[in-house]
Amino acid sequence: MASVLIEFSHVTKKYGSLLANDDLCFSVNKGEIHALIGENGAGKSTAMKLLFGLETLTSGVIKVNGSSQSWMSPRGAMASGLGMVHQHFMLSPVHSALDNVILGQEQLKGHRSQIRLFKSLRFIDRKSILRELQELSSSVGFRIPWQEPVENLPVGIQQQLEIAKLLYAGVEVMIFDEPTAVLSPEETETFLKMIRNLNQTGRTIIIITHKLREVKSIADRVTVLRRGKSVCTVECSDVTVQDMADLMVGRHVHLGELKRSEKSPGDELLYIEHLTVEGLGSRPTLTDVSLSVKEGQVVGIAGVEGSGQSELFDAVLNPGRVLRPSGMNSVIRVLGQDGRSLDRKLIRQQAIAVVPADRLREAVLPEETLLENELLGHDHEFAAKALSGYQWIDRKKARERLVGELKTFDVRPPDPDARLGGFSGGNQQKFVMARELSRNPKLILCSQPTRGVDVGAIEQIHGELLNRRDKGAGILLISSQLDELMALSDVIHVMYSGKIVATFNRQDFSEHAIGLAMGGGGKPS
């Protein structure tokens, strides 16, 4: 019989008038892989923050090993054997991987990392820490360059580092918040194998995720949350992916391919020829990249992380900044204009939507309200003339349009005056999509449009993109999700090491063939 390790009993968490968790009741068994699923804003991350000591309960009880949770901080949770890997990694980019493990540990008096030199003088035994970390990481198949600064590490290695920190701290319960949201398909498979290995060592794993196929493949049980409430906890073997999607959203969710028009593409909106980009330090270059995006066409870009997709996106938005002398034969035309004459500000004034991969760094100001973020990069749309030739921003007009956007894209809570940083990652993404697509753009530059978004919102975002495509918009779509690219694209270009190594038309789409090309194998003959 399974032994209950963690129990949520009538747990409620309020932030002012917002009810984030509403009478939550569920349990996690010792030694299992337990998934938490739900729509964006359903209260999954909040529940785990309560467990980990990052937030305090409004009411209810959380029990661990039969005793009420007593810690008020992550340090207390770690001391009690619980650790958490957050969706946005808690790492210092300028410090080495080794230093990131030591940070925080050095404050613990009498910790095994310290050598006592005199009565009041201690120093960190870096060599012994490194030996222990190498042994720990080797036991689970990690290959972490311990002396390398974190900012130079791929995202998959950074995630391994976060887990290594927990292993070093000796935690027995590991909580992961959207662990595969920023991973490539190859990195995702590596991560899932690693989770199985950790679980086989006796550790209890809790995973917050929107990726239901991963839940089905790895979890023992799954708890479904909806609008802050716990709907049910079921054995994964007893439900299908479709069942889980429907339980999450509270209605039937269409998981198959969406309808699309079959009309031929129109005029060229984006044209790139012989694009070569160099001089970006350790980042990959682009070499002789050529492609076009036409009216009524979705052009997908596939490739494992770091194959040149982000450089391509940057080159379209800032060609004058990224092109070097060796790339002066490169041609970029955007809506019929020479790309060299455009910068990001001018592009924002065109009929172009921009959805970057990293919303927090490139698309929003987390500390500002939704209304201020609505104006970000689009203030010219709400400019009104005042006396003496001065202009002012018509905030009433901006607010009215924003309210409609929030309703259309189901952003929760639909409050223009709420601080964006307080929203879940999925609701932040829905806001960015709403802001950009509401302007009826001719050209949509879109990178990772559904990263960290639940199945209901994915269905909506995919539908909106295809609706814009059917109305004549051209879309350049960069995604690490191959199923997303195959569902939306008319053409898929595969990038590898900064080059386009294969091109597939819709009638030729094959997951195996595209995956082979993504790994550098080229296009099968």
Protein backbone atom coordinates (compact mmCIF):
# COMPACT_ATOMS: atom_id res chain seq x y z
CA MET A 1 0.00 0.00 0.00
CA ALA A 2 1.31 3.46 -0.96
CA SER A 3 2.57 5.71 1.83
CA VAL A 4 1.34 9.33 1.77
CA LEU A 5 4.30 11.74 1.95
CA ILE A 6 2.67 15.14 1.27
CA GLU A 7 -0.94 16.06 1.94
CA PHE A 8 -2.81 19.26 1.06
CA SER A 9 -5.92 19.58 3.22
CA HIS A 10 -8.40 22.41 2.44
CA VAL A 11 -5.54 24.73 1.42
CA THR A 12 -6.51 28.26 0.42
CA LYS A 13 -4.28 31.12 -0.72
CA LYS A 14 -5.55 34.64 -1.40
CA TYR A 15 -3.74 37.65 -2.86
CA GLY A 16 -6.12 40.47 -1.97
CA SER A 17 -9.33 39.65 -3.82
CA LEU A 18 -7.62 37.05 -6.05
CA LEU A 19 -8.23 33.46 -4.95
CA ALA A 20 -5.17 31.58 -6.24
CA ASN A 21 -5.84 28.30 -4.37
CA ASP A 22 -9.35 27.42 -3.31
CA ASP A 23 -9.81 24.56 -0.80
CA LEU A 24 -7.12 22.35 -2.38
CA CYS A 25 -7.19 18.70 -1.30
CA PHE A 26 -4.76 16.14 -2.75
CA SER A 27 -1.83 13.98 -1.71
CA VAL A 28 1.53 12.83 -3.07
CA ASN A 29 2.79 9.32 -2.31
CA LYS A 30 6.34 8.57 -1.28
CA GLY A 31 8.55 7.48 -4.18
CA GLU A 32 6.14 8.37 -6.98
CA ILE A 33 6.31 10.74 -9.93
CA HIS A 34 3.31 13.01 -9.44
CA ALA A 35 2.18 15.52 -12.07
CA LEU A 36 0.20 18.71 -11.45
CA ILE A 37 -1.69 19.93 -14.51
CA GLY A 38 -4.15 22.75 -15.14
CA GLU A 39 -4.77 25.83 -17.21
CA ASN A 40 -2.56 28.89 -16.88
CA GLY A 41 -3.43 30.52 -13.58
CA ALA A 42 -5.05 27.38 -12.15
CA GLY A 43 -2.89 27.64 -9.02
CA LYS A 44 -0.28 24.92 -9.68
CA SER A 45 2.83 27.02 -9.07
CA THR A 46 1.22 28.75 -6.10
CA ALA A 47 0.51 25.39 -4.46
CA MET A 48 4.14 24.35 -4.81
CA LYS A 49 5.37 27.73 -3.55
CA LEU A 50 3.27 27.16 -0.44
CA LEU A 51 4.84 23.74 0.02
CA PHE A 52 8.35 25.10 -0.54
CA GLY A 53 7.94 28.01 1.88
CA LEU A 54 7.98 30.77 -0.73
CA GLU A 55 4.41 31.76 0.21
CA THR A 56 2.32 31.47 3.38
CA LEU A 57 -1.08 29.80 3.67
CA THR A 58 -4.24 31.81 4.05
CA SER A 59 -5.96 28.76 5.54
CA GLY A 60 -5.74 24.98 5.53
CA VAL A 61 -2.93 22.55 6.34
CA ILE A 62 -0.02 21.05 4.42
CA LYS A 63 1.41 17.91 6.00
CA VAL A 64 4.77 16.34 5.21
CA ASN A 65 5.42 12.86 6.64
CA GLY A 66 2.29 13.29 8.75
CA SER A 67 3.38 16.55 10.42
CA SER A 68 2.19 20.06 9.59
CA GLN A 69 4.64 22.03 7.49
CA SER A 70 6.60 24.27 9.86
CA TRP A 71 9.10 26.08 7.66
CA MET A 72 8.60 29.66 6.50
CA SER A 73 11.33 29.81 3.84
CA PRO A 74 12.99 27.70 1.12
CA ARG A 75 15.96 27.20 3.45
CA GLY A 76 13.64 25.43 5.90
CA ALA A 77 12.17 23.31 3.10
CA MET A 78 15.64 22.30 1.91
CA ALA A 79 16.64 21.37 5.46
CA SER A 80 13.54 19.15 5.57
CA GLY A 81 14.47 17.39 2.33
CA LEU A 82 12.44 19.35 -0.25
CA GLY A 83 13.96 21.15 -3.25
CA MET A 84 12.50 23.06 -6.18
CA VAL A 85 13.69 23.85 -9.71
CA HIS A 86 11.83 26.93 -10.90
CA GLN A 87 10.67 27.63 -14.45
CA HIS A 88 13.09 30.57 -14.58
CA PHE A 89 16.36 29.24 -13.22
CA MET A 90 17.77 30.73 -10.01
CA LEU A 91 21.38 30.96 -11.20
CA SER A 92 24.01 33.69 -11.19
CA PRO A 93 25.09 34.01 -14.84
CA VAL A 94 28.53 35.52 -14.17
CA HIS A 95 29.59 32.85 -11.66
CA SER A 96 30.86 29.39 -12.52
CA ALA A 97 28.71 26.28 -12.24
CA LEU A 98 30.71 25.27 -9.16
CA ASP A 99 30.20 28.66 -7.48
CA ASN A 100 26.47 28.45 -8.12
CA VAL A 101 26.33 25.28 -6.02
CA ILE A 102 28.41 26.81 -3.24
CA LEU A 103 26.37 30.05 -3.10
CA GLY A 104 24.09 29.85 -0.08
CA GLN A 105 25.73 26.70 1.28
CA GLU A 106 28.70 28.67 2.62
CA GLN A 107 26.42 30.44 5.13
CA LEU A 108 25.49 27.20 6.86
CA LYS A 109 27.74 26.97 9.91
CA GLY A 110 29.42 23.60 10.18
CA HIS A 111 28.43 22.58 6.64
CA ARG A 112 30.60 19.84 5.09
CA SER A 113 31.87 22.34 2.49
CA GLN A 114 33.75 24.26 5.20
CA ILE A 115 37.13 23.68 6.79
CA ARG A 116 37.73 25.31 10.14
CA LEU A 117 41.10 27.06 10.17
CA PHE A 118 40.86 28.93 13.45
CA LYS A 119 38.06 29.32 16.01
CA SER A 120 36.32 32.07 14.03
CA LEU A 121 37.84 31.53 10.59
CA ARG A 122 36.58 29.05 8.02
CA PHE A 123 37.14 28.61 4.30
CA ILE A 124 35.36 26.76 1.51
CA ASP A 125 36.96 23.44 0.52
CA ARG A 126 36.35 23.84 -3.22
CA LYS A 127 38.31 20.73 -4.20
CA SER A 128 36.27 18.41 -2.03
CA ILE A 129 33.03 20.03 -3.21
CA LEU A 130 34.08 19.57 -6.84
CA ARG A 131 34.94 15.88 -6.26
CA GLU A 132 31.58 15.26 -4.60
CA LEU A 133 29.69 17.07 -7.36
CA GLN A 134 31.51 15.13 -10.06
CA GLU A 135 30.54 11.87 -8.37
CA LEU A 136 26.92 12.96 -7.88
CA SER A 137 26.50 14.25 -11.42
CA SER A 138 28.17 11.19 -12.92
CA SER A 139 25.74 8.91 -11.05
CA VAL A 140 22.78 10.47 -12.94
CA GLY A 141 24.53 11.00 -16.26
CA PHE A 142 25.24 14.76 -16.04
CA ARG A 143 28.15 16.34 -17.88
CA ILE A 144 28.51 19.79 -16.34
CA PRO A 145 31.62 21.93 -17.03
CA TRP A 146 32.03 23.06 -13.45
CA GLN A 147 34.50 25.92 -14.05
CA GLU A 148 32.47 27.48 -16.91
CA PRO A 149 30.38 30.64 -16.25
CA VAL A 150 26.67 29.84 -16.27
CA GLU A 151 25.98 32.42 -18.99
CA ASN A 152 28.01 30.27 -21.40
CA LEU A 153 26.08 27.07 -20.67
CA PRO A 154 23.22 25.79 -22.87
CA VAL A 155 19.81 25.84 -21.20
CA GLY A 156 19.76 22.05 -20.85
CA ILE A 157 23.05 22.11 -18.90
CA GLN A 158 21.77 24.97 -16.73
CA GLN A 159 18.82 22.78 -15.80
CA GLN A 160 21.18 19.93 -14.91
CA LEU A 161 23.06 22.38 -12.70
CA GLU A 162 19.86 23.30 -10.85
CA ILE A 163 19.23 19.61 -10.21
CA ALA A 164 22.84 19.07 -9.13
CA LYS A 165 22.31 21.79 -6.50
CA LEU A 166 19.44 19.73 -5.08
CA LEU A 167 21.44 16.51 -5.18
CA TYR A 168 24.28 18.19 -3.31
CA ALA A 169 21.81 19.47 -0.71
CA GLY A 170 20.61 15.89 -0.22
CA VAL A 171 16.91 16.51 -0.93
CA GLU A 172 14.55 13.55 -1.27
CA VAL A 173 11.58 15.43 -2.81
CA MET A 174 12.19 17.34 -6.05
CA ILE A 175 9.65 19.83 -7.44
CA PHE A 176 9.94 20.91 -11.08
CA ASP A 177 7.98 23.88 -12.47
CA GLU A 178 7.56 23.60 -16.28
CA PRO A 179 10.87 21.74 -16.62
CA THR A 180 10.75 21.19 -20.38
CA ALA A 181 9.29 24.57 -21.41
CA VAL A 182 12.65 25.85 -22.73
CA LEU A 183 14.17 22.52 -23.82
CA SER A 184 14.60 21.18 -27.33
CA PRO A 185 13.02 17.77 -28.15
CA GLU A 186 16.41 16.10 -27.70
CA GLU A 187 16.99 17.85 -24.35
CA THR A 188 13.45 16.95 -23.27
CA GLU A 189 14.06 13.26 -23.87
CA THR A 190 17.31 13.49 -21.90
CA PHE A 191 15.46 15.22 -19.05
CA LEU A 192 12.70 12.58 -18.91
CA LYS A 193 15.27 9.78 -18.74
CA MET A 194 17.04 11.65 -15.96
CA ILE A 195 13.78 11.99 -13.99
CA ARG A 196 13.21 8.24 -14.26
CA ASN A 197 16.74 7.64 -12.98
CA LEU A 198 16.24 10.01 -10.04
CA ASN A 199 12.94 8.35 -9.19
CA GLN A 200 14.55 4.91 -9.26
CA THR A 201 16.96 6.08 -6.55
CA GLY A 202 13.94 6.51 -4.27
CA ARG A 203 13.31 10.23 -4.72
CA THR A 204 9.78 11.60 -4.93
CA ILE A 205 9.22 13.81 -7.98
CA ILE A 206 6.51 16.46 -8.43
CA ILE A 207 6.22 18.00 -11.91
CA ILE A 208 4.14 21.03 -12.92
CA THR A 209 3.65 20.91 -16.68
CA HIS A 210 1.31 21.60 -19.59
CA LYS A 211 2.78 18.85 -21.76
CA LEU A 212 0.30 16.05 -21.35
CA ARG A 213 2.10 13.49 -23.48
CA GLU A 214 5.07 13.83 -21.14
CA VAL A 215 2.74 13.34 -18.16
CA LYS A 216 1.34 10.19 -19.76
CA SER A 217 4.81 8.82 -20.47
CA ILE A 218 6.46 9.49 -17.10
CA ALA A 219 4.02 10.12 -14.22
CA ASP A 220 2.44 7.56 -11.90
CA ARG A 221 -0.45 9.80 -10.86
CA VAL A 222 -1.75 13.20 -11.92
CA THR A 223 -3.72 15.86 -10.04
CA VAL A 224 -5.87 18.22 -12.12
CA LEU A 225 -6.40 21.82 -10.96
CA ARG A 226 -8.95 24.20 -12.44
CA ARG A 227 -9.46 27.83 -11.37
CA GLY A 228 -7.68 27.23 -8.08
CA LYS A 229 -9.58 24.07 -7.14
CA SER A 230 -8.43 20.43 -7.19
CA VAL A 231 -10.69 18.59 -9.64
CA CYS A 232 -9.36 15.04 -9.23
CA THR A 233 -6.30 12.83 -8.77
CA VAL A 234 -6.09 9.79 -11.05
CA GLU A 235 -3.68 7.05 -12.09
CA CYS A 236 -2.04 8.02 -15.38
CA SER A 237 -2.63 4.52 -16.68
CA ASP A 238 -6.40 5.10 -16.35
CA VAL A 239 -6.65 8.25 -18.52
CA THR A 240 -5.72 9.31 -22.04
CA VAL A 241 -4.06 12.56 -23.10
CA GLN A 242 -7.47 13.69 -24.38
CA ASP A 243 -9.07 12.88 -21.01
CA MET A 244 -6.47 15.01 -19.20
CA ALA A 245 -6.92 17.92 -21.62
CA ASP A 246 -10.69 17.89 -21.17
CA LEU A 247 -10.40 17.70 -17.36
CA MET A 248 -7.98 20.65 -17.32
CA VAL A 249 -10.15 22.98 -19.35
CA GLY A 250 -13.60 21.72 -18.36
CA ARG A 251 -14.67 21.17 -21.96
CA HIS A 252 -13.64 19.13 -24.97
CA VAL A 253 -10.31 20.37 -26.35
CA HIS A 254 -9.50 19.76 -29.99
CA LEU A 255 -6.01 18.22 -30.05
CA GLY A 256 -5.90 17.32 -33.73
CA GLU A 257 -5.07 19.42 -36.78
CA LEU A 258 -7.10 22.61 -37.19
CA LYS A 259 -8.91 23.58 -40.39
CA ARG A 260 -7.04 25.78 -42.86
CA SER A 261 -7.78 27.27 -46.29
CA GLU A 262 -6.06 25.77 -49.30
CA LYS A 263 -5.68 28.93 -51.40
CA SER A 264 -2.33 29.71 -52.99
CA PRO A 265 0.09 32.15 -51.28
CA GLY A 266 0.04 35.77 -52.45
CA ASP A 267 2.69 38.49 -52.67
CA GLU A 268 6.04 38.31 -50.92
CA LEU A 269 6.14 39.95 -47.48
CA LEU A 270 9.58 38.88 -46.28
CA TYR A 271 12.48 38.01 -48.57
CA ILE A 272 15.89 36.84 -47.41
CA GLU A 273 18.69 35.88 -49.77
CA HIS A 274 22.26 34.76 -49.02
CA LEU A 275 22.01 36.00 -45.44
CA THR A 276 25.36 35.66 -43.68
CA VAL A 277 25.88 36.86 -40.12
CA GLU A 278 29.21 36.69 -38.29
CA GLY A 279 30.95 38.27 -35.32
CA LEU A 280 28.55 37.13 -32.58
CA GLY A 281 31.22 35.64 -30.32
CA SER A 282 30.51 32.06 -29.31
CA ARG A 283 27.03 32.07 -30.82
CA PRO A 284 26.59 30.25 -34.16
CA THR A 285 26.79 32.20 -37.38
CA LEU A 286 24.30 32.25 -40.22
CA THR A 287 25.67 31.12 -43.55
CA ASP A 288 23.95 31.74 -46.89
CA VAL A 289 20.38 31.54 -45.54
CA SER A 290 17.64 32.15 -48.13
CA LEU A 291 13.88 32.00 -47.62
CA SER A 292 10.69 33.95 -48.22
CA VAL A 293 7.33 34.42 -46.53
CA LYS A 294 4.28 35.22 -48.65
CA GLU A 295 0.74 36.37 -47.98
CA GLY A 296 -1.36 33.52 -46.62
CA GLN A 297 1.65 31.36 -45.78
CA VAL A 298 3.21 29.98 -42.60
CA VAL A 299 6.92 29.32 -42.95
CA GLY A 300 8.28 27.24 -40.08
CA ILE A 301 11.88 27.12 -38.86
CA ALA A 302 12.89 23.85 -37.17
CA GLY A 303 16.16 23.02 -35.44
CA VAL A 304 17.61 22.04 -32.09
CA GLU A 305 18.33 24.94 -29.74
CA GLY A 306 21.34 26.97 -30.91
CA SER A 307 21.15 26.13 -34.61
CA GLY A 308 20.81 29.78 -35.65
CA GLN A 309 17.08 30.39 -35.23
CA SER A 310 17.51 33.28 -32.79
CA GLU A 311 20.16 34.88 -35.03
CA LEU A 312 17.72 34.69 -37.95
CA PHE A 313 15.02 36.35 -35.84
CA ASP A 314 17.45 39.11 -34.78
CA ALA A 315 18.62 39.65 -38.36
CA VAL A 316 15.06 40.31 -39.55
CA LEU A 317 14.40 42.76 -36.69
CA ASN A 318 17.79 44.49 -36.62
CA PRO A 319 19.60 43.89 -39.94
CA GLY A 320 21.67 47.06 -39.73
CA ARG A 321 23.03 45.99 -36.34
CA VAL A 322 23.88 42.36 -37.04
CA LEU A 323 25.16 42.44 -40.63
CA ARG A 324 28.95 42.54 -40.88
CA PRO A 325 31.16 43.34 -43.90
CA SER A 326 31.27 39.67 -44.90
CA GLY A 327 27.49 39.68 -45.09
CA MET A 328 27.00 42.83 -47.14
CA ASN A 329 25.80 40.73 -50.10
CA SER A 330 22.91 39.62 -47.94
CA VAL A 331 19.44 40.77 -48.98
CA ILE A 332 16.57 41.36 -46.55
CA ARG A 333 13.30 42.90 -47.75
CA VAL A 334 10.47 43.51 -45.28
CA LEU A 335 7.07 44.51 -46.69
CA GLY A 336 8.82 45.64 -49.85
CA GLN A 337 11.37 47.82 -48.03
CA ASP A 338 15.12 47.34 -47.82
CA GLY A 339 15.70 45.79 -44.41
CA ARG A 340 18.86 47.86 -43.90
CA SER A 341 16.75 51.01 -43.71
CA LEU A 342 14.72 49.59 -40.82
CA ASP A 343 15.48 49.22 -37.14
CA ARG A 344 13.31 47.69 -34.44
CA LYS A 345 11.53 50.99 -33.75
CA LEU A 346 10.63 51.48 -37.42
CA ILE A 347 9.53 47.85 -37.73
CA ARG A 348 7.19 48.44 -34.79
CA GLN A 349 5.53 51.19 -36.82
CA GLN A 350 4.82 48.83 -39.71
CA ALA A 351 2.01 46.28 -39.99
CA ILE A 352 4.21 43.72 -38.27
CA ALA A 353 3.63 41.66 -35.13
CA VAL A 354 6.67 40.61 -33.10
CA VAL A 355 6.49 37.72 -30.62
CA PRO A 356 10.03 37.00 -29.33
CA ALA A 357 11.08 33.75 -27.66
CA ASP A 358 11.96 35.39 -24.32
CA ARG A 359 8.93 37.45 -23.35
CA LEU A 360 10.37 38.68 -20.04
CA ARG A 361 13.51 40.12 -21.61
CA GLU A 362 12.23 41.22 -25.01
CA ALA A 363 8.46 41.68 -24.97
CA VAL A 364 7.25 43.02 -21.62
CA LEU A 365 8.11 45.02 -18.52
CA PRO A 366 7.13 42.66 -15.65
CA GLU A 367 7.00 45.40 -13.02
CA GLU A 368 4.54 47.50 -15.04
CA THR A 369 0.79 47.05 -15.46
CA LEU A 370 -0.93 45.41 -18.40
CA LEU A 371 -1.94 48.86 -19.63
CA GLU A 372 1.65 50.12 -19.66
CA ASN A 373 2.72 46.96 -21.45
CA GLU A 374 -0.06 47.47 -23.97
CA LEU A 375 1.57 50.79 -24.87
CA LEU A 376 5.08 49.28 -25.00
CA GLY A 377 6.34 49.68 -28.55
CA HIS A 378 2.86 50.74 -29.69
CA ASP A 379 2.45 54.15 -28.05
CA HIS A 380 2.34 55.75 -31.54
CA GLU A 381 -1.00 54.02 -32.12
CA PHE A 382 -2.58 55.93 -29.26
CA ALA A 383 -0.96 59.32 -29.88
CA ALA A 384 -3.34 62.30 -30.00
CA LYS A 385 -2.46 65.86 -30.91
CA ALA A 386 -2.71 68.53 -28.23
CA LEU A 387 -2.16 72.27 -28.26
CA SER A 388 1.02 73.78 -29.75
CA GLY A 389 1.83 70.65 -31.72
CA TYR A 390 2.50 68.47 -28.67
CA GLN A 391 1.20 64.92 -28.49
CA TRP A 392 -0.23 62.95 -25.65
CA ILE A 393 -1.22 59.31 -25.23
CA ASP A 394 -4.91 58.52 -25.24
CA ARG A 395 -4.91 56.02 -22.38
CA LYS A 396 -8.68 55.69 -22.45
CA LYS A 397 -8.49 54.41 -26.01
CA ALA A 398 -5.64 52.05 -25.07
CA ARG A 399 -7.59 50.72 -22.10
CA GLU A 400 -10.70 50.07 -24.18
CA ARG A 401 -8.76 48.09 -26.75
CA LEU A 402 -6.87 46.20 -24.05
CA VAL A 403 -10.07 45.10 -22.31
CA GLY A 404 -11.25 43.54 -25.58
CA GLU A 405 -7.91 41.79 -26.10
CA LEU A 406 -7.94 40.30 -22.61
CA LYS A 407 -11.44 38.94 -23.15
CA THR A 408 -10.64 37.47 -26.58
CA PHE A 409 -7.53 35.66 -25.36
CA ASP A 410 -8.93 34.79 -21.92
CA VAL A 411 -6.08 36.43 -19.98
CA ARG A 412 -6.65 35.88 -16.25
CA PRO A 413 -7.27 38.05 -14.34
CA PRO A 414 -8.54 40.49 -17.02
CA ASP A 415 -7.36 43.54 -15.07
CA PRO A 416 -5.59 46.30 -17.07
CA ASP A 417 -4.14 47.75 -13.85
CA ALA A 418 -2.63 44.50 -12.55
CA ARG A 419 1.16 44.16 -12.55
CA LEU A 420 2.20 41.79 -15.34
CA GLY A 421 4.87 40.10 -13.21
CA GLY A 422 2.13 38.77 -10.95
CA PHE A 423 0.58 36.73 -13.78
CA SER A 424 1.43 33.11 -14.55
CA GLY A 425 3.86 32.55 -17.42
CA GLY A 426 1.09 31.27 -19.67
CA ASN A 427 -1.12 34.29 -19.06
CA GLN A 428 1.86 36.57 -19.77
CA GLN A 429 2.31 34.77 -23.09
CA LYS A 430 -1.40 35.07 -23.92
CA PHE A 431 -1.16 38.80 -23.23
CA VAL A 432 1.78 39.20 -25.64
CA MET A 433 -0.08 37.26 -28.35
CA ALA A 434 -3.22 39.34 -27.75
CA ARG A 435 -1.32 42.64 -27.96
CA GLU A 436 0.47 41.71 -31.17
CA LEU A 437 -2.27 39.91 -33.11
CA SER A 438 -4.99 42.45 -32.29
CA ARG A 439 -3.31 44.91 -34.67
CA ASN A 440 -4.23 42.82 -37.75
CA PRO A 441 -0.61 42.59 -38.93
CA LYS A 442 0.41 41.72 -42.48
CA LEU A 443 3.57 39.99 -41.31
CA ILE A 444 3.91 38.02 -38.05
CA LEU A 445 7.37 37.24 -36.69
CA CYS A 446 6.72 34.59 -34.08
CA SER A 447 9.20 32.62 -31.95
CA GLN A 448 8.04 29.95 -29.46
CA PRO A 449 4.42 31.22 -29.42
CA THR A 450 3.08 28.58 -27.00
CA ARG A 451 6.02 28.19 -24.61
CA GLY A 452 4.62 27.53 -21.11
CA VAL A 453 1.00 27.64 -22.31
CA ASP A 454 -1.75 25.14 -21.48
CA VAL A 455 -3.57 22.98 -24.04
CA GLY A 456 -6.67 25.17 -24.12
CA ALA A 457 -4.60 28.28 -24.82
CA ILE A 458 -2.49 26.40 -27.38
CA GLU A 459 -5.67 25.50 -29.24
CA GLN A 460 -6.69 29.17 -29.21
CA ILE A 461 -3.29 30.56 -30.24
CA HIS A 462 -2.95 28.05 -33.06
CA GLY A 463 -6.46 28.93 -34.21
CA GLU A 464 -5.69 32.66 -34.16
CA LEU A 465 -2.46 32.19 -36.14
CA LEU A 466 -4.21 30.09 -38.79
CA ASN A 467 -7.07 32.61 -38.90
CA ARG A 468 -4.56 35.40 -39.63
CA ARG A 469 -2.88 33.20 -42.24
CA ASP A 470 -6.22 32.48 -43.94
CA LYS A 471 -6.92 36.23 -44.03
CA GLY A 472 -3.68 36.86 -45.89
CA ALA A 473 -1.03 37.43 -43.23
CA GLY A 474 2.41 35.88 -43.68
CA ILE A 475 3.94 34.15 -40.65
CA LEU A 476 7.56 33.29 -39.90
CA LEU A 477 7.23 30.67 -37.15
CA ILE A 478 10.17 29.52 -35.05
CA SER A 479 9.39 26.71 -32.62
CA SER A 480 11.23 23.98 -30.74
CA GLN A 481 8.00 21.93 -30.85
CA LEU A 482 8.04 19.82 -34.01
CA ASP A 483 4.36 18.89 -33.68
CA GLU A 484 3.49 22.60 -33.54
CA LEU A 485 5.51 23.34 -36.68
CA MET A 486 3.90 20.45 -38.55
CA ALA A 487 0.41 21.51 -37.45
CA LEU A 488 0.75 25.14 -38.57
CA SER A 489 3.34 25.39 -41.34
CA ASP A 490 2.96 25.30 -45.11
CA VAL A 491 6.74 25.03 -45.50
CA ILE A 492 9.37 23.98 -42.95
CA HIS A 493 13.04 24.93 -43.26
CA VAL A 494 15.38 22.95 -41.01
CA MET A 495 18.41 24.78 -39.61
CA TYR A 496 21.59 23.13 -38.43
CA SER A 497 24.81 24.89 -37.48
CA GLY A 498 23.60 28.21 -38.90
CA LYS A 499 22.50 26.85 -42.28
CA ILE A 500 19.28 25.68 -43.87
CA VAL A 501 20.00 22.00 -44.46
CA ALA A 502 16.58 20.82 -45.62
CA THR A 503 13.22 22.18 -46.77
CA PHE A 504 9.92 20.31 -46.59
CA ASN A 505 6.61 21.25 -48.22
CA ARG A 506 3.45 20.37 -46.33
CA GLN A 507 2.66 17.29 -48.42
CA ASP A 508 6.12 15.92 -47.58
CA PHE A 509 6.04 16.48 -43.79
CA SER A 510 7.45 13.54 -41.85
CA GLU A 511 8.38 13.67 -38.17
CA HIS A 512 11.16 11.15 -38.76
CA ALA A 513 12.63 12.94 -41.78
CA ILE A 514 12.47 16.40 -40.19
CA GLY A 515 13.91 15.07 -36.94
CA LEU A 516 16.77 13.47 -38.85
CA ALA A 517 17.54 16.79 -40.56
CA MET A 518 17.42 18.61 -37.20
CA GLY A 519 20.20 16.34 -36.00
CA GLY A 520 22.39 17.25 -38.97
CA GLY A 521 21.43 14.28 -41.12
CA GLY A 522 20.09 16.37 -44.00
CA LYS A 523 17.01 15.49 -46.04
CA PRO A 524 16.55 11.84 -46.98
CA SER A 525 16.80 11.21 -50.72
